Amino acid sequence: MEGEVLDRGIARRAARIYLPLATAAALLFLIAASLGGEYPAVARIGGAVWVGTLSLIVSMPVVTARVKARARRRE
């Protein structure tokens, strides 16, 4: 039971880190695509969703592992 509570806390802390990272990457892509060329709105929004999704896929395991390692060091 105690391990489940610890894991839930780790998952929440990690999500508070990787979700803003992925959102920021998607917004930066959207801004760059809007300022950098004459792309249609569908391409800009679709690209932002794609970048955000890929950023989540990449950052989720990396951030979760770091948060878990830091939590274990504190114990």
PDB file of N, CA and C in Angstrom:
ATOM      1  N   MET A   1       0.825  -1.202   0.000  1.00  0.00           N
ATOM      2  CA  MET A   1       0.000   0.000   0.000  1.00  0.00           C
ATOM      3  C   MET A   1       0.861   1.255   0.000  1.00  0.00           C
ATOM      4  N   GLU A   2       1.905   1.258   0.816  1.00  0.00           N
ATOM      5  CA  GLU A   2       2.767   2.430   0.901  1.00  0.00           C
ATOM      6  C   GLU A   2       3.517   2.677  -0.407  1.00  0.00           C
ATOM      7  N   GLY A   3       3.913   1.592  -1.080  1.00  0.00           N
ATOM      8  CA  GLY A   3       4.598   1.720  -2.357  1.00  0.00           C
ATOM      9  C   GLY A   3       3.704   2.300  -3.435  1.00  0.00           C
ATOM     10  N   GLU A   4       2.417   1.949  -3.390  1.00  0.00           N
ATOM     11  CA  GLU A   4       1.473   2.493  -4.368  1.00  0.00           C
ATOM     12  C   GLU A   4       1.304   3.996  -4.197  1.00  0.00           C
ATOM     13  N   VAL A   5       1.257   4.441  -2.956  1.00  0.00           N
ATOM     14  CA  VAL A   5       1.119   5.879  -2.683  1.00  0.00           C
ATOM     15  C   VAL A   5       2.359   6.614  -3.164  1.00  0.00           C
ATOM     16  N   LEU A   6       3.536   6.028  -2.925  1.00  0.00           N
ATOM     17  CA  LEU A   6       4.783   6.643  -3.380  1.00  0.00           C
ATOM     18  C   LEU A   6       4.823   6.713  -4.900  1.00  0.00           C
ATOM     19  N   ASP A   7       4.426   5.619  -5.565  1.00  0.00           N
ATOM     20  CA  ASP A   7       4.420   5.599  -7.035  1.00  0.00           C
ATOM     21  C   ASP A   7       3.434   6.615  -7.606  1.00  0.00           C
ATOM     22  N   ARG A   8       2.280   6.756  -6.969  1.00  0.00           N
ATOM     23  CA  ARG A   8       1.291   7.732  -7.432  1.00  0.00           C
ATOM     24  C   ARG A   8       1.844   9.156  -7.298  1.00  0.00           C
ATOM     25  N   GLY A   9       2.535   9.416  -6.199  1.00  0.00           N
ATOM     26  CA  GLY A   9       3.139  10.736  -6.004  1.00  0.00           C
ATOM     27  C   GLY A   9       4.231  11.020  -7.026  1.00  0.00           C
ATOM     28  N   ILE A  10       5.021  10.002  -7.316  1.00  0.00           N
ATOM     29  CA  ILE A  10       6.074  10.153  -8.322  1.00  0.00           C
ATOM     30  C   ILE A  10       5.455  10.440  -9.684  1.00  0.00           C
ATOM     31  N   ALA A  11       4.401   9.719 -10.030  1.00  0.00           N
ATOM     32  CA  ALA A  11       3.744   9.927 -11.321  1.00  0.00           C
ATOM     33  C   ALA A  11       3.161  11.338 -11.415  1.00  0.00           C
ATOM     34  N   ARG A  12       2.577  11.821 -10.344  1.00  0.00           N
ATOM     35  CA  ARG A  12       2.017  13.179 -10.373  1.00  0.00           C
ATOM     36  C   ARG A  12       3.099  14.228 -10.505  1.00  0.00           C
ATOM     37  N   ARG A  13       4.197  14.066  -9.738  1.00  0.00           N
ATOM     38  CA  ARG A  13       5.298  15.033  -9.841  1.00  0.00           C
ATOM     39  C   ARG A  13       5.905  15.029 -11.236  1.00  0.00           C
ATOM     40  N   ALA A  14       6.076  13.846 -11.807  1.00  0.00           N
ATOM     41  CA  ALA A  14       6.645  13.747 -13.156  1.00  0.00           C
ATOM     42  C   ALA A  14       5.710  14.390 -14.175  1.00  0.00           C
ATOM     43  N   ALA A  15       4.414  14.177 -14.023  1.00  0.00           N
ATOM     44  CA  ALA A  15       3.449  14.765 -14.966  1.00  0.00           C
ATOM     45  C   ALA A  15       3.465  16.281 -14.889  1.00  0.00           C
ATOM     46  N   ARG A  16       3.706  16.823 -13.696  1.00  0.00           N
ATOM     47  CA  ARG A  16       3.793  18.286 -13.569  1.00  0.00           C
ATOM     48  C   ARG A  16       5.022  18.847 -14.273  1.00  0.00           C
ATOM     49  N   ILE A  17       5.944  17.985 -14.634  1.00  0.00           N
ATOM     50  CA  ILE A  17       7.144  18.435 -15.357  1.00  0.00           C
ATOM     51  C   ILE A  17       6.998  18.180 -16.855  1.00  0.00           C
ATOM     52  N   TYR A  18       6.654  16.938 -17.248  1.00  0.00           N
ATOM     53  CA  TYR A  18       6.672  16.634 -18.679  1.00  0.00           C
ATOM     54  C   TYR A  18       5.493  17.189 -19.452  1.00  0.00           C
ATOM     55  N   LEU A  19       4.359  17.385 -18.820  1.00  0.00           N
ATOM     56  CA  LEU A  19       3.230  17.984 -19.550  1.00  0.00           C
ATOM     57  C   LEU A  19       3.510  19.431 -19.962  1.00  0.00           C
ATOM     58  N   PRO A  20       4.018  20.295 -19.062  1.00  0.00           N
ATOM     59  CA  PRO A  20       4.364  21.645 -19.515  1.00  0.00           C
ATOM     60  C   PRO A  20       5.490  21.668 -20.555  1.00  0.00           C
ATOM     61  N   LEU A  21       6.434  20.737 -20.440  1.00  0.00           N
ATOM     62  CA  LEU A  21       7.510  20.673 -21.448  1.00  0.00           C
ATOM     63  C   LEU A  21       6.948  20.370 -22.834  1.00  0.00           C
ATOM     64  N   ALA A  22       6.076  19.385 -22.909  1.00  0.00           N
ATOM     65  CA  ALA A  22       5.495  19.020 -24.198  1.00  0.00           C
ATOM     66  C   ALA A  22       4.593  20.133 -24.733  1.00  0.00           C
ATOM     67  N   THR A  23       3.854  20.770 -23.847  1.00  0.00           N
ATOM     68  CA  THR A  23       2.993  21.874 -24.270  1.00  0.00           C
ATOM     69  C   THR A  23       3.827  23.042 -24.788  1.00  0.00           C
ATOM     70  N   ALA A  24       4.918  23.332 -24.098  1.00  0.00           N
ATOM     71  CA  ALA A  24       5.801  24.420 -24.540  1.00  0.00           C
ATOM     72  C   ALA A  24       6.418  24.110 -25.901  1.00  0.00           C
ATOM     73  N   ALA A  25       6.817  22.865 -26.116  1.00  0.00           N
ATOM     74  CA  ALA A  25       7.380  22.489 -27.414  1.00  0.00           C
ATOM     75  C   ALA A  25       6.345  22.660 -28.524  1.00  0.00           C
ATOM     76  N   ALA A  26       5.103  22.263 -28.254  1.00  0.00           N
ATOM     77  CA  ALA A  26       4.046  22.406 -29.254  1.00  0.00           C
ATOM     78  C   ALA A  26       3.766  23.884 -29.539  1.00  0.00           C
ATOM     79  N   LEU A  27       3.726  24.700 -28.494  1.00  0.00           N
ATOM     80  CA  LEU A  27       3.485  26.132 -28.699  1.00  0.00           C
ATOM     81  C   LEU A  27       4.627  26.798 -29.448  1.00  0.00           C
ATOM     82  N   LEU A  28       5.859  26.412 -29.124  1.00  0.00           N
ATOM     83  CA  LEU A  28       7.001  26.968 -29.868  1.00  0.00           C
ATOM     84  C   LEU A  28       6.930  26.595 -31.343  1.00  0.00           C
ATOM     85  N   PHE A  29       6.544  25.361 -31.629  1.00  0.00           N
ATOM     86  CA  PHE A  29       6.385  24.954 -33.028  1.00  0.00           C
ATOM     87  C   PHE A  29       5.306  25.782 -33.706  1.00  0.00           C
ATOM     88  N   LEU A  30       4.187  25.957 -33.028  1.00  0.00           N
ATOM     89  CA  LEU A  30       3.083  26.721 -33.605  1.00  0.00           C
ATOM     90  C   LEU A  30       3.497  28.163 -33.880  1.00  0.00           C
ATOM     91  N   ILE A  31       4.214  28.760 -32.951  1.00  0.00           N
ATOM     92  CA  ILE A  31       4.685  30.139 -33.138  1.00  0.00           C
ATOM     93  C   ILE A  31       5.678  30.205 -34.289  1.00  0.00           C
ATOM     94  N   ALA A  32       6.628  29.274 -34.326  1.00  0.00           N
ATOM     95  CA  ALA A  32       7.628  29.274 -35.393  1.00  0.00           C
ATOM     96  C   ALA A  32       6.987  29.053 -36.760  1.00  0.00           C
ATOM     97  N   ALA A  33       6.013  28.164 -36.825  1.00  0.00           N
ATOM     98  CA  ALA A  33       5.335  27.909 -38.105  1.00  0.00           C
ATOM     99  C   ALA A  33       4.488  29.101 -38.522  1.00  0.00           C
ATOM    100  N   SER A  34       3.944  29.808 -37.563  1.00  0.00           N
ATOM    101  CA  SER A  34       3.118  30.980 -37.886  1.00  0.00           C
ATOM    102  C   SER A  34       3.966  32.156 -38.357  1.00  0.00           C
ATOM    103  N   LEU A  35       5.116  32.327 -37.726  1.00  0.00           N
ATOM    104  CA  LEU A  35       5.974  33.455 -38.087  1.00  0.00           C
ATOM    105  C   LEU A  35       6.890  33.159 -39.264  1.00  0.00           C
ATOM    106  N   GLY A  36       7.202  31.886 -39.465  1.00  0.00           N
ATOM    107  CA  GLY A  36       8.220  31.530 -40.440  1.00  0.00           C
ATOM    108  C   GLY A  36       7.744  31.244 -41.840  1.00  0.00           C
ATOM    109  N   GLY A  37       6.477  31.280 -42.097  1.00  0.00           N
ATOM    110  CA  GLY A  37       6.055  30.955 -43.447  1.00  0.00           C
ATOM    111  C   GLY A  37       4.563  31.077 -43.637  1.00  0.00           C
ATOM    112  N   GLU A  38       4.155  30.779 -44.820  1.00  0.00           N
ATOM    113  CA  GLU A  38       2.746  30.867 -45.203  1.00  0.00           C
ATOM    114  C   GLU A  38       2.128  29.474 -45.224  1.00  0.00           C
ATOM    115  N   TYR A  39       2.151  28.814 -44.105  1.00  0.00           N
ATOM    116  CA  TYR A  39       1.581  27.470 -44.018  1.00  0.00           C
ATOM    117  C   TYR A  39       0.101  27.554 -43.698  1.00  0.00           C
ATOM    118  N   PRO A  40      -0.690  26.632 -44.219  1.00  0.00           N
ATOM    119  CA  PRO A  40      -2.123  26.639 -43.878  1.00  0.00           C
ATOM    120  C   PRO A  40      -2.325  26.315 -42.396  1.00  0.00           C
ATOM    121  N   ALA A  41      -3.461  26.737 -41.871  1.00  0.00           N
ATOM    122  CA  ALA A  41      -3.745  26.538 -40.449  1.00  0.00           C
ATOM    123  C   ALA A  41      -3.748  25.058 -40.076  1.00  0.00           C
ATOM    124  N   VAL A  42      -4.242  24.212 -40.965  1.00  0.00           N
ATOM    125  CA  VAL A  42      -4.279  22.780 -40.683  1.00  0.00           C
ATOM    126  C   VAL A  42      -2.870  22.233 -40.496  1.00  0.00           C
ATOM    127  N   ALA A  43      -1.930  22.681 -41.313  1.00  0.00           N
ATOM    128  CA  ALA A  43      -0.551  22.216 -41.205  1.00  0.00           C
ATOM    129  C   ALA A  43       0.088  22.709 -39.906  1.00  0.00           C
ATOM    130  N   ARG A  44      -0.173  23.948 -39.553  1.00  0.00           N
ATOM    131  CA  ARG A  44       0.408  24.490 -38.313  1.00  0.00           C
ATOM    132  C   ARG A  44      -0.140  23.779 -37.096  1.00  0.00           C
ATOM    133  N   ILE A  45      -1.453  23.613 -37.032  1.00  0.00           N
ATOM    134  CA  ILE A  45      -2.068  22.973 -35.867  1.00  0.00           C
ATOM    135  C   ILE A  45      -1.722  21.484 -35.832  1.00  0.00           C
ATOM    136  N   GLY A  46      -1.772  20.837 -36.973  1.00  0.00           N
ATOM    137  CA  GLY A  46      -1.401  19.425 -37.032  1.00  0.00           C
ATOM    138  C   GLY A  46       0.046  19.200 -36.636  1.00  0.00           C
ATOM    139  N   GLY A  47       0.921  20.071 -37.078  1.00  0.00           N
ATOM    140  CA  GLY A  47       2.329  19.969 -36.693  1.00  0.00           C
ATOM    141  C   GLY A  47       2.528  20.195 -35.206  1.00  0.00           C
ATOM    142  N   ALA A  48       1.788  21.136 -34.646  1.00  0.00           N
ATOM    143  CA  ALA A  48       1.893  21.396 -33.211  1.00  0.00           C
ATOM    144  C   ALA A  48       1.409  20.190 -32.402  1.00  0.00           C
ATOM    145  N   VAL A  49       0.326  19.563 -32.845  1.00  0.00           N
ATOM    146  CA  VAL A  49      -0.167  18.360 -32.159  1.00  0.00           C
ATOM    147  C   VAL A  49       0.857  17.241 -32.274  1.00  0.00           C
ATOM    148  N   TRP A  50       1.443  17.095 -33.438  1.00  0.00           N
ATOM    149  CA  TRP A  50       2.448  16.057 -33.663  1.00  0.00           C
ATOM    150  C   TRP A  50       3.671  16.281 -32.784  1.00  0.00           C
ATOM    151  N   VAL A  51       4.166  17.503 -32.746  1.00  0.00           N
ATOM    152  CA  VAL A  51       5.330  17.820 -31.916  1.00  0.00           C
ATOM    153  C   VAL A  51       5.008  17.614 -30.441  1.00  0.00           C
ATOM    154  N   GLY A  52       3.830  18.028 -30.016  1.00  0.00           N
ATOM    155  CA  GLY A  52       3.436  17.831 -28.626  1.00  0.00           C
ATOM    156  C   GLY A  52       3.352  16.358 -28.257  1.00  0.00           C
ATOM    157  N   THR A  53       2.774  15.569 -29.140  1.00  0.00           N
ATOM    158  CA  THR A  53       2.656  14.126 -28.880  1.00  0.00           C
ATOM    159  C   THR A  53       4.022  13.458 -28.822  1.00  0.00           C
ATOM    160  N   LEU A  54       4.881  13.774 -29.768  1.00  0.00           N
ATOM    161  CA  LEU A  54       6.223  13.190 -29.752  1.00  0.00           C
ATOM    162  C   LEU A  54       7.017  13.650 -28.536  1.00  0.00           C
ATOM    163  N   SER A  55       6.834  14.896 -28.133  1.00  0.00           N
ATOM    164  CA  SER A  55       7.516  15.389 -26.937  1.00  0.00           C
ATOM    165  C   SER A  55       7.051  14.643 -25.698  1.00  0.00           C
ATOM    166  N   LEU A  56       5.766  14.347 -25.625  1.00  0.00           N
ATOM    167  CA  LEU A  56       5.257  13.542 -24.502  1.00  0.00           C
ATOM    168  C   LEU A  56       5.868  12.145 -24.513  1.00  0.00           C
ATOM    169  N   ILE A  57       5.921  11.532 -25.682  1.00  0.00           N
ATOM    170  CA  ILE A  57       6.458  10.174 -25.790  1.00  0.00           C
ATOM    171  C   ILE A  57       7.914  10.126 -25.351  1.00  0.00           C
ATOM    172  N   VAL A  58       8.675  11.136 -25.718  1.00  0.00           N
ATOM    173  CA  VAL A  58      10.100  11.152 -25.385  1.00  0.00           C
ATOM    174  C   VAL A  58      10.332  11.572 -23.934  1.00  0.00           C
ATOM    175  N   SER A  59       9.641  12.601 -23.480  1.00  0.00           N
ATOM    176  CA  SER A  59       9.943  13.147 -22.157  1.00  0.00           C
ATOM    177  C   SER A  59       9.343  12.338 -21.007  1.00  0.00           C
ATOM    178  N   MET A  60       8.257  11.620 -21.236  1.00  0.00           N
ATOM    179  CA  MET A  60       7.594  10.900 -20.145  1.00  0.00           C
ATOM    180  C   MET A  60       8.521   9.896 -19.454  1.00  0.00           C
ATOM    181  N   PRO A  61       9.153   8.970 -20.147  1.00  0.00           N
ATOM    182  CA  PRO A  61      10.012   8.020 -19.430  1.00  0.00           C
ATOM    183  C   PRO A  61      11.272   8.657 -18.850  1.00  0.00           C
ATOM    184  N   VAL A  62      11.806   9.662 -19.535  1.00  0.00           N
ATOM    185  CA  VAL A  62      13.024  10.313 -19.041  1.00  0.00           C
ATOM    186  C   VAL A  62      12.745  11.062 -17.737  1.00  0.00           C
ATOM    187  N   VAL A  63      11.703  11.859 -17.729  1.00  0.00           N
ATOM    188  CA  VAL A  63      11.371  12.650 -16.549  1.00  0.00           C
ATOM    189  C   VAL A  63      10.928  11.745 -15.403  1.00  0.00           C
ATOM    190  N   THR A  64      10.124  10.740 -15.691  1.00  0.00           N
ATOM    191  CA  THR A  64       9.652   9.842 -14.650  1.00  0.00           C
ATOM    192  C   THR A  64      10.820   9.109 -13.989  1.00  0.00           C
ATOM    193  N   ALA A  65      11.782   8.664 -14.766  1.00  0.00           N
ATOM    194  CA  ALA A  65      12.953   7.985 -14.204  1.00  0.00           C
ATOM    195  C   ALA A  65      13.756   8.920 -13.312  1.00  0.00           C
ATOM    196  N   ARG A  66      13.927  10.166 -13.723  1.00  0.00           N
ATOM    197  CA  ARG A  66      14.681  11.117 -12.902  1.00  0.00           C
ATOM    198  C   ARG A  66      13.960  11.451 -11.608  1.00  0.00           C
ATOM    199  N   VAL A  67      12.651  11.633 -11.696  1.00  0.00           N
ATOM    200  CA  VAL A  67      11.864  11.931 -10.490  1.00  0.00           C
ATOM    201  C   VAL A  67      11.899  10.736  -9.541  1.00  0.00           C
ATOM    202  N   LYS A  68      11.812   9.528 -10.076  1.00  0.00           N
ATOM    203  CA  LYS A  68      11.845   8.328  -9.253  1.00  0.00           C
ATOM    204  C   LYS A  68      13.209   8.172  -8.577  1.00  0.00           C
ATOM    205  N   ALA A  69      14.287   8.424  -9.312  1.00  0.00           N
ATOM    206  CA  ALA A  69      15.620   8.323  -8.739  1.00  0.00           C
ATOM    207  C   ALA A  69      15.816   9.352  -7.625  1.00  0.00           C
ATOM    208  N   ARG A  70      15.322  10.547  -7.834  1.00  0.00           N
ATOM    209  CA  ARG A  70      15.448  11.592  -6.813  1.00  0.00           C
ATOM    210  C   ARG A  70      14.643  11.228  -5.574  1.00  0.00           C
ATOM    211  N   ALA A  71      13.461  10.656  -5.763  1.00  0.00           N
ATOM    212  CA  ALA A  71      12.622  10.261  -4.624  1.00  0.00           C
ATOM    213  C   ALA A  71      13.284   9.112  -3.841  1.00  0.00           C
ATOM    214  N   ARG A  72      13.915   8.199  -4.525  1.00  0.00           N
ATOM    215  CA  ARG A  72      14.593   7.083  -3.845  1.00  0.00           C
ATOM    216  C   ARG A  72      15.821   7.556  -3.081  1.00  0.00           C
ATOM    217  N   ARG A  73      16.518   8.571  -3.602  1.00  0.00           N
ATOM    218  CA  ARG A  73      17.675   9.116  -2.889  1.00  0.00           C
ATOM    219  C   ARG A  73      17.254   9.786  -1.590  1.00  0.00           C
ATOM    220  N   ARG A  74      16.075  10.376  -1.582  1.00  0.00           N
ATOM    221  CA  ARG A  74      15.579  11.051  -0.373  1.00  0.00           C
ATOM    222  C   ARG A  74      15.203  10.071   0.729  1.00  0.00           C
ATOM    223  N   GLU A  75      14.865   8.842   0.351  1.00  0.00           N
ATOM    224  CA  GLU A  75      14.432   7.855   1.360  1.00  0.00           C
ATOM    225  C   GLU A  75      15.555   7.375   2.217  1.00  0.00           C
TER     226      GLU A  75
END
